[in-house]
C-alpha atoms as a PDB file:
ATOM      1  CA  MET A   1      40.159  31.590 -15.102  1.00  0.00           C
ATOM      2  CA  ALA A   2      37.256  33.071 -11.910  1.00  0.00           C
ATOM      3  CA  LEU A   3      34.767  35.436 -13.234  1.00  0.00           C
ATOM      4  CA  SER A   4      34.988  38.901 -12.347  1.00  0.00           C
ATOM      5  CA  TYR A   5      31.830  40.276  -9.700  1.00  0.00           C
ATOM      6  CA  LYS A   6      31.104  42.016 -12.639  1.00  0.00           C
ATOM      7  CA  ALA A   7      30.756  39.579 -15.185  1.00  0.00           C
ATOM      8  CA  ARG A   8      29.362  37.120 -12.616  1.00  0.00           C
ATOM      9  CA  LYS A   9      25.897  40.035 -12.954  1.00  0.00           C
ATOM     10  CA  ARG A  10      26.062  40.661 -16.275  1.00  0.00           C
ATOM     11  CA  TRP A  11      26.166  36.704 -16.764  1.00  0.00           C
ATOM     12  CA  SER A  12      23.158  36.113 -14.105  1.00  0.00           C
ATOM     13  CA  LEU A  13      20.901  38.961 -15.717  1.00  0.00           C
ATOM     14  CA  VAL A  14      21.402  36.771 -18.937  1.00  0.00           C
ATOM     15  CA  VAL A  15      20.576  33.798 -16.608  1.00  0.00           C
ATOM     16  CA  LEU A  16      17.266  35.274 -15.443  1.00  0.00           C
ATOM     17  CA  LEU A  17      15.939  37.224 -18.281  1.00  0.00           C
ATOM     18  CA  VAL A  18      16.465  35.315 -21.073  1.00  0.00           C
ATOM     19  CA  GLY A  19      17.733  31.566 -20.032  1.00  0.00           C
ATOM     20  CA  MET A  20      14.522  31.289 -16.826  1.00  0.00           C
ATOM     21  CA  PRO A  21      12.116  31.936 -19.256  1.00  0.00           C
ATOM     22  CA  ALA A  22      13.340  29.852 -21.886  1.00  0.00           C
ATOM     23  CA  TYR A  23      14.095  26.927 -19.490  1.00  0.00           C
ATOM     24  CA  VAL A  24       9.765  26.959 -18.604  1.00  0.00           C
ATOM     25  CA  ILE A  25       9.449  27.007 -21.966  1.00  0.00           C
ATOM     26  CA  ALA A  26      11.446  23.762 -21.999  1.00  0.00           C
ATOM     27  CA  CYS A  27       9.748  22.602 -18.792  1.00  0.00           C
ATOM     28  CA  VAL A  28       5.756  23.436 -19.982  1.00  0.00           C
ATOM     29  CA  THR A  29       6.384  22.046 -23.619  1.00  0.00           C
ATOM     30  CA  VAL A  30       8.416  18.827 -21.847  1.00  0.00           C
ATOM     31  CA  ILE A  31       4.844  18.178 -19.742  1.00  0.00           C
ATOM     32  CA  ASN A  32       2.587  18.644 -22.809  1.00  0.00           C
ATOM     33  CA  TRP A  33       4.510  15.949 -24.730  1.00  0.00           C
ATOM     34  CA  LEU A  34       3.922  13.487 -21.628  1.00  0.00           C
ATOM     35  CA  GLU A  35       0.183  14.331 -22.369  1.00  0.00           C
ATOM     36  CA  ARG A  36      -0.308  16.154 -18.711  1.00  0.00           C
ATOM     37  CA  PRO A  37      -0.111  13.178 -16.099  1.00  0.00           C
ATOM     38  CA  SER A  38      -1.658  12.886 -12.679  1.00  0.00           C
ATOM     39  CA  PHE A  39      -1.285  16.655 -10.397  1.00  0.00           C
ATOM     40  CA  VAL A  40       0.758  15.269  -7.649  1.00  0.00           C
ATOM     41  CA  VAL A  41       2.993  13.885 -10.503  1.00  0.00           C
ATOM     42  CA  GLU A  42       3.221  16.769 -12.215  1.00  0.00           C
ATOM     43  CA  LEU A  43       3.756  19.087  -9.158  1.00  0.00           C
ATOM     44  CA  LEU A  44       6.386  16.836  -8.575  1.00  0.00           C
ATOM     45  CA  VAL A  45       8.186  17.275 -12.432  1.00  0.00           C
ATOM     46  CA  TYR A  46       7.676  20.653 -11.895  1.00  0.00           C
ATOM     47  CA  VAL A  47       8.773  21.125  -7.694  1.00  0.00           C
ATOM     48  CA  ALA A  48      12.188  18.854  -8.985  1.00  0.00           C
ATOM     49  CA  LEU A  49      12.631  21.122 -12.669  1.00  0.00           C
ATOM     50  CA  GLY A  50      12.071  24.153 -10.288  1.00  0.00           C
ATOM     51  CA  VAL A  51      15.478  23.643  -8.436  1.00  0.00           C
ATOM     52  CA  LEU A  52      17.207  22.010 -10.850  1.00  0.00           C
ATOM     53  CA  TRP A  53      18.104  24.419 -13.224  1.00  0.00           C
ATOM     54  CA  ALA A  54      19.822  26.575 -10.109  1.00  0.00           C
ATOM     55  CA  PHE A  55      22.693  23.916  -9.713  1.00  0.00           C
ATOM     56  CA  PRO A  56      24.202  24.989 -12.591  1.00  0.00           C
ATOM     57  CA  PHE A  57      24.657  27.794 -12.617  1.00  0.00           C
ATOM     58  CA  LYS A  58      25.606  28.378  -8.284  1.00  0.00           C
ATOM     59  CA  PHE A  59      29.464  29.915  -9.220  1.00  0.00           C
ATOM     60  CA  VAL A  60      27.256  32.454 -11.741  1.00  0.00           C
ATOM     61  CA  PHE A  61      24.605  33.912  -8.992  1.00  0.00           C
ATOM     62  CA  LYS A  62      27.234  33.683  -5.273  1.00  0.00           C
ATOM     63  CA  GLY A  63      27.705  36.845  -4.111  1.00  0.00           C
ATOM     64  CA  ILE A  64      26.005  38.786  -6.372  1.00  0.00           C
ATOM     65  CA  GLY A  65      23.882  40.472  -3.440  1.00  0.00           C
ATOM     66  CA  GLN A  66      26.826  41.967  -1.575  1.00  0.00           C
ATOM     67  CA  ALA A  67      29.087  44.874  -2.072  1.00  0.00           C
ATOM     68  CA  ASP A  68      31.691  44.805  -5.382  1.00  0.00           C
ATOM     69  CA  PRO A  69      34.506  43.289  -3.742  1.00  0.00           C
ATOM     70  CA  ASP A  70      36.911  44.236  -6.570  1.00  0.00           C
ATOM     71  CA  ASN A  71      36.065  47.735  -5.804  1.00  0.00           C
ATOM     72  CA  GLY A  72      37.953  49.540  -3.108  1.00  0.00           C
ATOM     73  CA  ASP A  73      35.570  51.282  -1.081  1.00  0.00           C
ATOM     74  CA  THR A  74      34.291  49.930   2.050  1.00  0.00           C
END
């Protein structure tokens, strides 16, 4: 079942306000467990992880910046 516009908007806020900080903390913790690799490797890991987090949530963020399509107003 597809999420409504309001549900997607609420879930996008949850992902950005709760999920994103938790993901950042987890990524930094993993890098620290690896005993800080070289700068280039660390940069590549952060860039890759910074892009990869968005793919599972693509359906939640799609169309959030647009007007509510469920609303009859134009």
